[in-house]
Every structure is written in C-alpha cells, then in structure tokens.
Amino acid sequence: MAEIVKSKQRKQLVKIEETKEEEKEVKNNKKNSPNKKEEKEENKQNLWERFVSFCHGVKSEFTRVRWTSKKDMVKYSIATIAFIIFCSLFFYGVDAIFALIQSLFK
C-alpha cells in the first residue's frame, strides 16, 4: 500500500516538474518573440488568410449541397399550406364545439 502511495506521489512530482519546464519555455519564447507591432501585422495577415480560407470552404460546401427542384418545392409548399389549413379548421371546430357546449349549460 505504501508503495502505491509513493508511486502516485512520484507521478505528481514528475507532472509538477513538467509544468514548471513548460512555463520556463513559454517565458523564454516571450523574451525571444518579436515586438508587438510585428505581432499585430502577423495577426492581421493570419486573420485575412483565415477569412479567405473560410470563404473557400463555404464555396466548396455550397457545391456539395443538393438543392431541391422546382417541382419538389411546389409539392412541399402545397403540402405545408394544406397542413396549415387543416390544423386551423380543426382547432376552429374544436373551439366552436366548446363554445356551443358552454352556451348550452349557461
């Protein structure tokens, strides 16, 4: 049991040492990095390149889309309008029946 605890403690110490080394590397990279103006210019270029890449991706996705035909659009539109009319008549009928029942019991 004690060996297991010791091995866990060793693993934790190794992780702590690794994070300290990573922090040192980050600090060294900050010291060696170019000035802020150069970083801003690079970010602007990266932003523009990312935007252009995004636009190309959108264009390629649009070519993969299967657009519906005019015949299908007419069919779906008629089905939708018919469904709306059916539902509205149904609920109007239910409301009329309840209003009739209420008027009979008053």
N, C-alpha and C. Protein backbone atom coordinates (compact mmCIF):
# COMPACT_ATOMS: atom_id res chain seq x y z
N MET A 1 0.84 -1.19 0.00
CA MET A 1 0.00 0.00 0.00
C MET A 1 0.88 1.25 0.00
N ALA A 2 1.91 1.23 0.81
CA ALA A 2 2.81 2.38 0.88
C ALA A 2 3.52 2.60 -0.45
N GLU A 3 3.82 1.50 -1.16
CA GLU A 3 4.48 1.63 -2.46
C GLU A 3 3.57 2.32 -3.47
N ILE A 4 2.28 2.01 -3.41
CA ILE A 4 1.33 2.63 -4.33
C ILE A 4 1.26 4.13 -4.08
N VAL A 5 1.21 4.52 -2.81
CA VAL A 5 1.15 5.93 -2.45
C VAL A 5 2.42 6.64 -2.93
N LYS A 6 3.58 5.99 -2.72
CA LYS A 6 4.84 6.60 -3.14
C LYS A 6 4.90 6.76 -4.66
N SER A 7 4.40 5.75 -5.39
CA SER A 7 4.44 5.85 -6.85
C SER A 7 3.52 6.98 -7.33
N LYS A 8 2.35 7.16 -6.69
CA LYS A 8 1.46 8.26 -7.05
C LYS A 8 2.11 9.60 -6.76
N GLN A 9 2.81 9.68 -5.63
CA GLN A 9 3.49 10.93 -5.29
C GLN A 9 4.59 11.23 -6.30
N ARG A 10 5.29 10.21 -6.74
CA ARG A 10 6.34 10.40 -7.75
C ARG A 10 5.75 10.93 -9.05
N LYS A 11 4.62 10.33 -9.46
CA LYS A 11 3.96 10.77 -10.69
C LYS A 11 3.54 12.24 -10.59
N GLN A 12 3.02 12.62 -9.42
CA GLN A 12 2.60 14.00 -9.22
C GLN A 12 3.80 14.94 -9.29
N LEU A 13 4.92 14.54 -8.68
CA LEU A 13 6.12 15.36 -8.73
C LEU A 13 6.63 15.51 -10.17
N VAL A 14 6.58 14.43 -10.94
CA VAL A 14 7.01 14.49 -12.34
C VAL A 14 6.12 15.47 -13.11
N LYS A 15 4.80 15.42 -12.87
CA LYS A 15 3.89 16.33 -13.56
C LYS A 15 4.19 17.78 -13.19
N ILE A 16 4.46 18.02 -11.92
CA ILE A 16 4.78 19.37 -11.46
C ILE A 16 6.05 19.87 -12.13
N GLU A 17 7.06 19.02 -12.22
CA GLU A 17 8.31 19.41 -12.86
C GLU A 17 8.09 19.70 -14.35
N GLU A 18 7.26 18.90 -14.99
CA GLU A 18 6.98 19.12 -16.41
C GLU A 18 6.28 20.45 -16.63
N THR A 19 5.32 20.78 -15.77
CA THR A 19 4.63 22.06 -15.93
C THR A 19 5.58 23.23 -15.69
N LYS A 20 6.49 23.07 -14.72
CA LYS A 20 7.48 24.13 -14.49
C LYS A 20 8.37 24.33 -15.70
N GLU A 21 8.76 23.23 -16.35
CA GLU A 21 9.60 23.33 -17.54
C GLU A 21 8.83 24.00 -18.68
N GLU A 22 7.57 23.67 -18.81
CA GLU A 22 6.76 24.29 -19.85
C GLU A 22 6.61 25.79 -19.61
N GLU A 23 6.44 26.18 -18.35
CA GLU A 23 6.33 27.60 -18.03
C GLU A 23 7.63 28.32 -18.38
N LYS A 24 8.75 27.69 -18.11
CA LYS A 24 10.04 28.30 -18.44
C LYS A 24 10.16 28.48 -19.95
N GLU A 25 9.73 27.46 -20.72
CA GLU A 25 9.79 27.56 -22.18
C GLU A 25 8.91 28.69 -22.69
N VAL A 26 7.74 28.85 -22.10
CA VAL A 26 6.84 29.92 -22.52
C VAL A 26 7.48 31.27 -22.23
N LYS A 27 8.10 31.42 -21.07
CA LYS A 27 8.77 32.68 -20.73
C LYS A 27 9.91 32.96 -21.70
N ASN A 28 10.67 31.93 -22.03
CA ASN A 28 11.77 32.12 -22.97
C ASN A 28 11.25 32.50 -24.35
N ASN A 29 10.16 31.91 -24.75
CA ASN A 29 9.58 32.25 -26.06
C ASN A 29 9.08 33.69 -26.08
N LYS A 30 8.53 34.14 -24.96
CA LYS A 30 8.07 35.53 -24.89
C LYS A 30 9.25 36.50 -25.01
N LYS A 31 10.35 36.14 -24.39
CA LYS A 31 11.51 37.00 -24.46
C LYS A 31 12.07 37.06 -25.88
N ASN A 32 12.02 35.95 -26.59
CA ASN A 32 12.59 35.87 -27.92
C ASN A 32 11.61 36.32 -29.01
N SER A 33 10.37 36.61 -28.65
CA SER A 33 9.37 36.97 -29.66
C SER A 33 9.62 38.38 -30.18
N PRO A 34 9.17 38.66 -31.42
CA PRO A 34 9.35 40.00 -31.99
C PRO A 34 8.48 41.02 -31.26
N ASN A 35 8.70 42.26 -31.59
CA ASN A 35 7.95 43.31 -30.88
C ASN A 35 6.47 43.25 -31.22
N LYS A 36 5.68 44.06 -30.52
CA LYS A 36 4.22 43.99 -30.62
C LYS A 36 3.71 44.40 -32.00
N LYS A 37 4.36 45.38 -32.64
CA LYS A 37 3.91 45.82 -33.96
C LYS A 37 4.00 44.68 -34.97
N GLU A 38 5.10 43.95 -34.92
CA GLU A 38 5.26 42.84 -35.85
C GLU A 38 4.23 41.75 -35.57
N GLU A 39 3.92 41.52 -34.29
CA GLU A 39 2.91 40.52 -33.94
C GLU A 39 1.54 40.93 -34.47
N LYS A 40 1.20 42.22 -34.36
CA LYS A 40 -0.10 42.69 -34.86
C LYS A 40 -0.20 42.52 -36.37
N GLU A 41 0.89 42.83 -37.08
CA GLU A 41 0.89 42.67 -38.52
C GLU A 41 0.71 41.21 -38.91
N GLU A 42 1.38 40.31 -38.18
CA GLU A 42 1.23 38.88 -38.45
C GLU A 42 -0.20 38.43 -38.18
N ASN A 43 -0.80 38.93 -37.10
CA ASN A 43 -2.18 38.56 -36.78
C ASN A 43 -3.13 39.05 -37.85
N LYS A 44 -2.90 40.26 -38.39
CA LYS A 44 -3.75 40.78 -39.46
C LYS A 44 -3.65 39.89 -40.69
N GLN A 45 -2.43 39.49 -41.04
CA GLN A 45 -2.26 38.61 -42.18
C GLN A 45 -2.92 37.27 -41.91
N ASN A 46 -2.74 36.76 -40.72
CA ASN A 46 -3.35 35.48 -40.39
C ASN A 46 -4.87 35.59 -40.43
N LEU A 47 -5.40 36.72 -39.98
CA LEU A 47 -6.84 36.92 -40.00
C LEU A 47 -7.35 36.93 -41.43
N TRP A 48 -6.65 37.64 -42.32
CA TRP A 48 -7.06 37.70 -43.71
C TRP A 48 -6.96 36.32 -44.36
N GLU A 49 -5.88 35.61 -44.09
CA GLU A 49 -5.71 34.27 -44.65
C GLU A 49 -6.80 33.33 -44.14
N ARG A 50 -7.13 33.44 -42.88
CA ARG A 50 -8.19 32.60 -42.32
C ARG A 50 -9.54 32.95 -42.95
N PHE A 51 -9.80 34.23 -43.18
CA PHE A 51 -11.05 34.65 -43.81
C PHE A 51 -11.15 34.10 -45.22
N VAL A 52 -10.07 34.21 -45.99
CA VAL A 52 -10.06 33.71 -47.36
C VAL A 52 -10.28 32.20 -47.34
N SER A 53 -9.62 31.51 -46.42
CA SER A 53 -9.78 30.07 -46.30
C SER A 53 -11.21 29.71 -45.95
N PHE A 54 -11.82 30.49 -45.07
CA PHE A 54 -13.22 30.27 -44.70
C PHE A 54 -14.13 30.42 -45.90
N CYS A 55 -13.89 31.47 -46.70
CA CYS A 55 -14.72 31.71 -47.89
C CYS A 55 -14.60 30.56 -48.88
N HIS A 56 -13.39 30.05 -49.06
CA HIS A 56 -13.21 28.91 -49.96
C HIS A 56 -13.95 27.68 -49.43
N GLY A 57 -13.92 27.48 -48.12
CA GLY A 57 -14.64 26.37 -47.52
C GLY A 57 -16.14 26.48 -47.71
N VAL A 58 -16.66 27.69 -47.55
CA VAL A 58 -18.10 27.91 -47.75
C VAL A 58 -18.47 27.62 -49.20
N LYS A 59 -17.66 28.09 -50.12
CA LYS A 59 -17.93 27.86 -51.54
C LYS A 59 -17.94 26.36 -51.86
N SER A 60 -16.98 25.62 -51.32
CA SER A 60 -16.93 24.19 -51.60
C SER A 60 -18.11 23.46 -50.96
N GLU A 61 -18.58 23.92 -49.80
CA GLU A 61 -19.75 23.30 -49.18
C GLU A 61 -21.00 23.57 -50.00
N PHE A 62 -21.12 24.77 -50.58
CA PHE A 62 -22.28 25.08 -51.40
C PHE A 62 -22.34 24.20 -52.64
N THR A 63 -21.20 23.79 -53.16
CA THR A 63 -21.22 22.91 -54.33
C THR A 63 -21.68 21.51 -53.94
N ARG A 64 -21.53 21.13 -52.69
CA ARG A 64 -21.95 19.80 -52.24
C ARG A 64 -23.43 19.73 -51.87
N VAL A 65 -24.07 20.87 -51.69
CA VAL A 65 -25.46 20.90 -51.28
C VAL A 65 -26.33 20.39 -52.42
N ARG A 66 -27.32 19.55 -52.07
CA ARG A 66 -28.28 19.07 -53.06
C ARG A 66 -29.50 19.99 -52.98
N TRP A 67 -29.65 20.87 -53.95
CA TRP A 67 -30.75 21.81 -53.96
C TRP A 67 -31.99 21.12 -54.48
N THR A 68 -33.16 21.47 -53.91
CA THR A 68 -34.40 20.85 -54.36
C THR A 68 -34.83 21.45 -55.70
N SER A 69 -35.55 20.64 -56.46
CA SER A 69 -36.01 21.10 -57.76
C SER A 69 -37.27 21.95 -57.59
N LYS A 70 -37.67 22.62 -58.66
CA LYS A 70 -38.86 23.47 -58.62
C LYS A 70 -40.10 22.61 -58.37
N LYS A 71 -40.13 21.44 -58.96
CA LYS A 71 -41.26 20.53 -58.80
C LYS A 71 -41.41 20.13 -57.32
N ASP A 72 -40.30 19.79 -56.69
CA ASP A 72 -40.36 19.40 -55.27
C ASP A 72 -40.77 20.58 -54.39
N MET A 73 -40.27 21.78 -54.71
CA MET A 73 -40.62 22.95 -53.90
C MET A 73 -42.12 23.24 -53.97
N VAL A 74 -42.70 23.12 -55.15
CA VAL A 74 -44.14 23.34 -55.30
C VAL A 74 -44.91 22.29 -54.50
N LYS A 75 -44.47 21.04 -54.59
CA LYS A 75 -45.13 19.95 -53.88
C LYS A 75 -45.07 20.18 -52.37
N TYR A 76 -43.90 20.53 -51.86
CA TYR A 76 -43.75 20.74 -50.41
C TYR A 76 -44.52 21.98 -49.95
N SER A 77 -44.55 23.01 -50.78
CA SER A 77 -45.29 24.22 -50.41
C SER A 77 -46.79 23.94 -50.32
N ILE A 78 -47.31 23.21 -51.29
CA ILE A 78 -48.74 22.87 -51.26
C ILE A 78 -49.06 22.00 -50.04
N ALA A 79 -48.18 21.05 -49.75
CA ALA A 79 -48.41 20.19 -48.58
C ALA A 79 -48.40 21.02 -47.29
N THR A 80 -47.50 21.97 -47.19
CA THR A 80 -47.43 22.82 -45.99
C THR A 80 -48.68 23.67 -45.85
N ILE A 81 -49.12 24.29 -46.92
CA ILE A 81 -50.32 25.13 -46.87
C ILE A 81 -51.55 24.29 -46.53
N ALA A 82 -51.64 23.08 -47.11
CA ALA A 82 -52.77 22.19 -46.81
C ALA A 82 -52.76 21.80 -45.33
N PHE A 83 -51.59 21.52 -44.79
CA PHE A 83 -51.48 21.14 -43.38
C PHE A 83 -51.90 22.30 -42.48
N ILE A 84 -51.50 23.51 -42.82
CA ILE A 84 -51.86 24.69 -42.03
C ILE A 84 -53.38 24.90 -42.07
N ILE A 85 -53.98 24.76 -43.25
CA ILE A 85 -55.44 24.93 -43.36
C ILE A 85 -56.16 23.85 -42.56
N PHE A 86 -55.70 22.60 -42.67
CA PHE A 86 -56.32 21.52 -41.91
C PHE A 86 -56.25 21.77 -40.40
N CYS A 87 -55.07 22.15 -39.90
CA CYS A 87 -54.91 22.40 -38.45
C CYS A 87 -55.78 23.57 -38.00
N SER A 88 -55.82 24.63 -38.80
CA SER A 88 -56.62 25.79 -38.40
C SER A 88 -58.11 25.44 -38.38
N LEU A 89 -58.60 24.68 -39.35
CA LEU A 89 -60.01 24.26 -39.35
C LEU A 89 -60.32 23.32 -38.18
N PHE A 90 -59.38 22.43 -37.89
CA PHE A 90 -59.57 21.50 -36.77
C PHE A 90 -59.72 22.26 -35.46
N PHE A 91 -58.78 23.17 -35.19
CA PHE A 91 -58.84 23.91 -33.92
C PHE A 91 -60.03 24.88 -33.89
N TYR A 92 -60.41 25.41 -35.05
CA TYR A 92 -61.61 26.26 -35.10
C TYR A 92 -62.85 25.42 -34.74
N GLY A 93 -62.91 24.20 -35.28
CA GLY A 93 -64.02 23.31 -34.97
C GLY A 93 -64.07 22.92 -33.50
N VAL A 94 -62.91 22.60 -32.93
CA VAL A 94 -62.86 22.26 -31.51
C VAL A 94 -63.32 23.45 -30.67
N ASP A 95 -62.86 24.63 -31.01
CA ASP A 95 -63.25 25.84 -30.28
C ASP A 95 -64.76 26.10 -30.42
N ALA A 96 -65.30 25.89 -31.62
CA ALA A 96 -66.74 26.11 -31.84
C ALA A 96 -67.57 25.12 -31.04
N ILE A 97 -67.11 23.87 -30.99
CA ILE A 97 -67.84 22.86 -30.20
C ILE A 97 -67.83 23.22 -28.72
N PHE A 98 -66.71 23.62 -28.19
CA PHE A 98 -66.64 24.00 -26.78
C PHE A 98 -67.49 25.24 -26.50
N ALA A 99 -67.51 26.19 -27.44
CA ALA A 99 -68.34 27.38 -27.26
C ALA A 99 -69.82 27.00 -27.28
N LEU A 100 -70.21 26.06 -28.14
CA LEU A 100 -71.60 25.59 -28.19
C LEU A 100 -71.98 24.88 -26.89
N ILE A 101 -71.07 24.05 -26.40
CA ILE A 101 -71.34 23.33 -25.14
C ILE A 101 -71.48 24.33 -23.99
N GLN A 102 -70.62 25.32 -23.94
CA GLN A 102 -70.70 26.33 -22.88
C GLN A 102 -72.02 27.09 -22.96
N SER A 103 -72.44 27.45 -24.15
CA SER A 103 -73.67 28.21 -24.28
C SER A 103 -74.90 27.38 -23.90
N LEU A 104 -74.84 26.05 -24.07
CA LEU A 104 -75.96 25.19 -23.70
C LEU A 104 -76.11 25.05 -22.20
N PHE A 105 -74.99 25.10 -21.45
CA PHE A 105 -75.05 24.91 -20.00
C PHE A 105 -75.17 26.22 -19.23
N LYS A 106 -75.28 27.33 -19.88
CA LYS A 106 -75.43 28.61 -19.16
C LYS A 106 -76.83 28.94 -18.91
